[in-house]
Amino acid sequence: MTQFNEHLKVDDEILHFSFNRIYNADGEKFYVVVQKGKQFFPFDMKRNDHGNWRIVEPAPSWAMMLEERLSDLINKNI
C-alpha cells in the first residue's frame, strides 16, 4: 500500500491530505482523508479510462473543485 501526505493552500486555508493506495476486487483506488480546520472528510479517488484520478462521490463539493490538483498530487507521488 502506498501512503503519502500533502498540503494545499486553498482560499488562505491550509488543507492537510492523507492518501492511501488500496487494491481490492474492483481494482485500484486511493482512500483520501482531508483535514479542514478541525473536521475530517474522507472520500475515494479512482483512475478513469483516460488515466486521470477522479473523485468518487459522495465527497464535499469544495473537494470536487480540487479534483485536478489532487490527481496531479497522486501522479507526482506514485
Protein backbone atom coordinates (compact mmCIF):
# COMPACT_ATOMS: atom_id res chain seq x y z
CA MET A 1 0.00 0.00 0.00
CA THR A 2 1.34 3.44 -0.95
CA GLN A 3 0.78 6.20 1.59
CA PHE A 4 1.70 9.86 1.44
CA ASN A 5 0.62 13.21 2.81
CA GLU A 6 0.34 16.56 1.06
CA HIS A 7 -0.82 20.07 1.89
CA LEU A 8 -2.69 22.50 -0.34
CA LYS A 9 -3.41 26.15 0.31
CA VAL A 10 -6.98 26.96 -0.71
CA ASP A 11 -8.51 30.38 -0.06
CA ASP A 12 -5.88 31.26 2.58
CA GLU A 13 -6.51 27.96 4.40
CA ILE A 14 -4.07 25.04 4.55
CA LEU A 15 -5.76 21.69 3.89
CA HIS A 16 -3.98 18.52 5.01
CA PHE A 17 -4.46 15.47 2.76
CA SER A 18 -3.64 11.85 3.55
CA PHE A 19 -3.58 9.45 0.56
CA ASN A 20 -3.72 5.66 0.94
CA ARG A 21 -3.48 3.44 -2.14
CA ILE A 22 -5.71 0.38 -1.89
CA TYR A 23 -6.16 -2.62 -4.17
CA ASN A 24 -9.44 -4.53 -3.98
CA ALA A 25 -11.65 -6.69 -6.19
CA ASP A 26 -12.75 -3.58 -8.14
CA GLY A 27 -9.15 -2.57 -8.87
CA GLU A 28 -7.01 0.26 -7.56
CA LYS A 29 -8.17 3.35 -5.68
CA PHE A 30 -6.93 5.96 -3.24
CA TYR A 31 -8.68 6.49 0.06
CA VAL A 32 -8.24 10.20 0.77
CA VAL A 33 -8.82 11.95 4.09
CA VAL A 34 -8.61 15.72 4.23
CA GLN A 35 -8.40 17.75 7.40
CA LYS A 36 -10.10 21.11 7.02
CA GLY A 37 -9.92 23.02 10.25
CA LYS A 38 -10.86 20.54 12.97
CA GLN A 39 -13.00 18.36 10.71
CA PHE A 40 -12.01 15.31 8.65
CA PHE A 41 -13.57 14.45 5.28
CA PRO A 42 -12.95 11.03 3.65
CA PHE A 43 -13.55 10.12 0.01
CA ASP A 44 -12.20 7.76 -2.66
CA MET A 45 -10.43 8.51 -5.93
CA LYS A 46 -10.29 6.07 -8.86
CA ARG A 47 -8.45 6.24 -12.17
CA ASN A 48 -10.70 6.72 -15.21
CA ASP A 49 -10.19 5.32 -18.73
CA HIS A 50 -8.02 8.35 -19.62
CA GLY A 51 -5.62 7.75 -16.72
CA ASN A 52 -6.87 10.66 -14.61
CA TRP A 53 -7.74 10.23 -10.95
CA ARG A 54 -11.38 11.16 -10.29
CA ILE A 55 -13.20 11.70 -7.01
CA VAL A 56 -15.89 9.12 -6.30
CA GLU A 57 -18.96 10.71 -4.76
CA PRO A 58 -20.08 11.28 -2.10
CA ALA A 59 -17.48 13.94 -1.45
CA PRO A 60 -17.65 17.56 -0.29
CA SER A 61 -18.38 20.00 -3.12
CA TRP A 62 -15.26 22.03 -2.28
CA ALA A 63 -13.17 18.86 -2.71
CA MET A 64 -14.68 18.24 -6.16
CA MET A 65 -13.27 21.61 -7.25
CA LEU A 66 -9.78 20.37 -6.29
CA GLU A 67 -10.01 17.13 -8.27
CA GLU A 68 -7.43 18.04 -10.93
CA ARG A 69 -4.92 19.24 -8.33
CA LEU A 70 -5.43 16.08 -6.27
CA SER A 71 -4.96 13.92 -9.37
CA ASP A 72 -1.68 15.74 -10.05
CA LEU A 73 -0.55 15.11 -6.45
CA ILE A 74 -1.26 11.38 -6.80
CA ASN A 75 0.63 11.16 -10.10
CA LYS A 76 3.57 13.04 -8.58
CA ASN A 77 3.78 10.58 -5.66
CA ILE A 78 3.30 7.21 -7.35
